[in-house]
Structure formats: structure tokens, C-alpha cells
Amino acid sequence: MEQYSNSISLLLQHGQRFFEIWNFQIIIAVAAIGFVMSNEGLAARNKVRLNITIVFLMIAIFSVYTESIHHQRETLMWKALEAHVAASPNEFLPEEVDYINSLQPTPLFIKAGALVVADVLVIAITWLSPKMREQH
């Protein structure tokens, strides 16, 4: 299995891209929510809300696109490893086969969904928070 360690490393690097994008999303989302919550008057203006919405829609599009590229590469690398295991099963211990199978990429729909939900949450807070405060 040592001959496949570089491939496994590359596969793990592609999988790590989701977490890098997710961390970016969290930092930007927390900053935007903090801005909206601390600047009631400014955040209540429709132009500011619209700008925040546009920015987060663009972030969602960029994030999903970037993740889809890395997911495609991650899937191809996993399929290549899986093909090596299928072609020469005698070279792998059962534990190694289990490990390689555990590296199967999470479906893109789940990862993209998580990224989009984070952006939609910020957009919803941007539009709902100042209105909720006006009612109280």
C-alpha cells in the first residue's frame, strides 16, 4: 500500500478543500451577522441588505463551483484507488481495503448544501433581524 500513499495523500488534500471553504464561510458569516446585529439602523436600509444578499449569493456560487471542481478530482482519485484495489486485491490487507473504502468522498450535494445553507442563513438574518427589532 506504500506505493499508493501519494495518491491517498492527494485524495485527502482534495477532501480538505471543503473544510477550507467551510472555514472561510464561517468567518465571513459571523462577521456579516455581527455587522447586522450591531448596526441596526444601517442594516435596516434596503440597499445595505441588498448588497449583503448579492455578496452572499456570489460567495455561494463561488463556493459551490470551487467545491464541485475539487469534488470531481477527489472522486476521480478515489475511483483510481478503488480500481487498483480491485485489480490487485492480494496486495492489500483487509484493513487497508477498509481504509481506502472509508476515503470515499462525501456526495457533492451534501457539501454544497451545507455551504448554501450557511449563506442563506446569513441572508435570512440580514432581512429578518432588523424587522424583528422594529416590531419589539
Protein backbone atom coordinates (compact mmCIF):
# COMPACT_ATOMS: atom_id res chain seq x y z
CA MET A 1 0.00 0.00 0.00
CA GLU A 2 3.00 2.28 0.41
CA GLN A 3 3.14 2.78 -3.34
CA TYR A 4 -0.32 4.38 -3.11
CA SER A 5 0.50 6.74 -0.25
CA ASN A 6 0.99 9.70 -2.61
CA SER A 7 -2.39 9.04 -4.22
CA ILE A 8 -4.04 8.77 -0.82
CA SER A 9 -2.37 12.00 0.27
CA LEU A 10 -3.63 13.78 -2.83
CA LEU A 11 -7.12 12.40 -2.26
CA LEU A 12 -7.10 13.69 1.32
CA GLN A 13 -5.91 17.11 0.14
CA HIS A 14 -8.84 17.41 -2.24
CA GLY A 15 -11.19 16.39 0.55
CA GLN A 16 -9.65 19.03 2.81
CA ARG A 17 -10.68 21.80 0.40
CA PHE A 18 -14.26 21.54 1.65
CA PHE A 19 -13.13 22.35 5.19
CA GLU A 20 -11.07 25.29 3.97
CA ILE A 21 -14.05 26.69 2.09
CA TRP A 22 -16.32 25.96 5.07
CA ASN A 23 -13.97 27.82 7.45
CA PHE A 24 -13.98 30.78 5.06
CA GLN A 25 -17.79 30.68 5.04
CA ILE A 26 -17.96 30.64 8.84
CA ILE A 27 -15.62 33.61 9.25
CA ILE A 28 -17.46 35.71 6.68
CA ALA A 29 -20.89 34.68 8.01
CA VAL A 30 -20.02 35.53 11.61
CA ALA A 31 -18.63 38.90 10.53
CA ALA A 32 -21.75 39.70 8.49
CA ILE A 33 -24.11 38.62 11.26
CA GLY A 34 -22.13 40.68 13.76
CA PHE A 35 -22.38 43.68 11.44
CA VAL A 36 -26.12 43.26 11.01
CA MET A 37 -26.74 42.80 14.73
CA SER A 38 -24.57 45.74 15.80
CA ASN A 39 -25.69 48.25 13.17
CA GLU A 40 -29.47 48.15 13.40
CA GLY A 41 -30.08 51.43 11.64
CA LEU A 42 -27.63 50.84 8.82
CA ALA A 43 -28.58 47.19 8.36
CA ALA A 44 -32.26 48.13 8.20
CA ARG A 45 -31.66 50.03 4.96
CA ASN A 46 -32.75 48.04 1.94
CA LYS A 47 -29.64 48.98 -0.08
CA VAL A 48 -27.37 47.53 2.59
CA ARG A 49 -29.49 44.39 2.84
CA LEU A 50 -29.49 44.03 -0.92
CA ASN A 51 -25.71 44.41 -1.09
CA ILE A 52 -25.21 41.81 1.64
CA THR A 53 -27.58 39.48 -0.23
CA ILE A 54 -25.71 39.93 -3.51
CA VAL A 55 -22.34 39.33 -1.84
CA PHE A 56 -23.54 36.15 -0.16
CA LEU A 57 -25.15 34.86 -3.33
CA MET A 58 -21.83 35.40 -5.10
CA ILE A 59 -19.99 33.64 -2.26
CA ALA A 60 -22.43 30.72 -2.52
CA ILE A 61 -21.92 30.42 -6.28
CA PHE A 62 -18.14 30.64 -5.97
CA SER A 63 -18.04 28.15 -3.08
CA VAL A 64 -20.23 25.58 -4.80
CA TYR A 65 -18.30 25.92 -8.06
CA THR A 66 -14.93 25.56 -6.32
CA GLU A 67 -16.15 22.64 -4.25
CA SER A 68 -17.56 20.93 -7.35
CA ILE A 69 -14.15 21.07 -9.06
CA HIS A 70 -12.36 19.62 -6.04
CA HIS A 71 -15.09 17.04 -5.58
CA GLN A 72 -14.72 15.90 -9.18
CA ARG A 73 -10.96 15.47 -8.72
CA GLU A 74 -11.45 13.78 -5.37
CA THR A 75 -13.94 11.33 -6.91
CA LEU A 76 -11.59 10.52 -9.80
CA MET A 77 -8.70 9.87 -7.42
CA TRP A 78 -10.86 7.66 -5.21
CA LYS A 79 -12.05 5.68 -8.25
CA ALA A 80 -8.43 5.21 -9.32
CA LEU A 81 -7.50 3.86 -5.89
CA GLU A 82 -10.56 1.65 -5.89
CA ALA A 83 -9.57 0.31 -9.33
CA HIS A 84 -6.07 -0.53 -8.04
CA VAL A 85 -7.57 -2.46 -5.15
CA ALA A 86 -9.93 -4.31 -7.48
CA ALA A 87 -7.14 -5.10 -9.96
CA SER A 88 -4.75 -6.49 -7.38
CA PRO A 89 -6.61 -7.41 -4.19
CA ASN A 90 -3.74 -9.64 -3.00
CA GLU A 91 -1.51 -6.58 -2.47
CA PHE A 92 -3.81 -5.15 0.21
CA LEU A 93 -4.65 -6.28 3.69
CA PRO A 94 -8.35 -6.26 4.58
CA GLU A 95 -7.70 -3.32 6.92
CA GLU A 96 -6.10 -1.37 4.09
CA VAL A 97 -9.08 -2.06 1.86
CA ASP A 98 -11.38 -0.86 4.65
CA TYR A 99 -9.30 2.32 4.99
CA ILE A 100 -9.40 3.03 1.26
CA ASN A 101 -13.16 2.43 1.24
CA SER A 102 -13.53 4.90 4.11
CA LEU A 103 -11.98 7.58 1.89
CA GLN A 104 -14.96 7.57 -0.47
CA PRO A 105 -15.91 11.22 -0.97
CA THR A 106 -19.00 12.66 0.66
CA PRO A 107 -21.60 13.38 -2.04
CA LEU A 108 -21.32 16.86 -3.55
CA PHE A 109 -24.98 17.52 -2.80
CA ILE A 110 -24.32 17.32 0.95
CA LYS A 111 -21.22 19.53 0.87
CA ALA A 112 -22.76 22.11 -1.48
CA GLY A 113 -25.94 22.06 0.58
CA ALA A 114 -24.01 22.90 3.75
CA LEU A 115 -22.30 25.83 2.04
CA VAL A 116 -25.54 27.18 0.57
CA VAL A 117 -27.46 26.80 3.85
CA ALA A 118 -24.81 28.87 5.63
CA ASP A 119 -25.20 31.66 3.07
CA VAL A 120 -28.99 31.51 3.10
CA LEU A 121 -28.92 31.75 6.90
CA VAL A 122 -26.91 34.97 6.73
CA ILE A 123 -29.25 36.38 4.08
CA ALA A 124 -32.29 35.48 6.20
CA ILE A 125 -30.80 37.10 9.30
CA THR A 126 -29.96 40.19 7.25
CA TRP A 127 -33.56 40.59 6.13
CA LEU A 128 -35.36 39.39 9.27
CA SER A 129 -33.29 40.70 12.20
CA PRO A 130 -33.84 44.46 11.76
CA LYS A 131 -37.57 43.89 11.10
CA MET A 132 -37.92 41.78 14.23
CA ARG A 133 -36.29 44.51 16.31
CA GLU A 134 -38.61 47.14 14.84
CA GLN A 135 -41.63 45.12 15.98
CA HIS A 136 -40.45 44.92 19.61
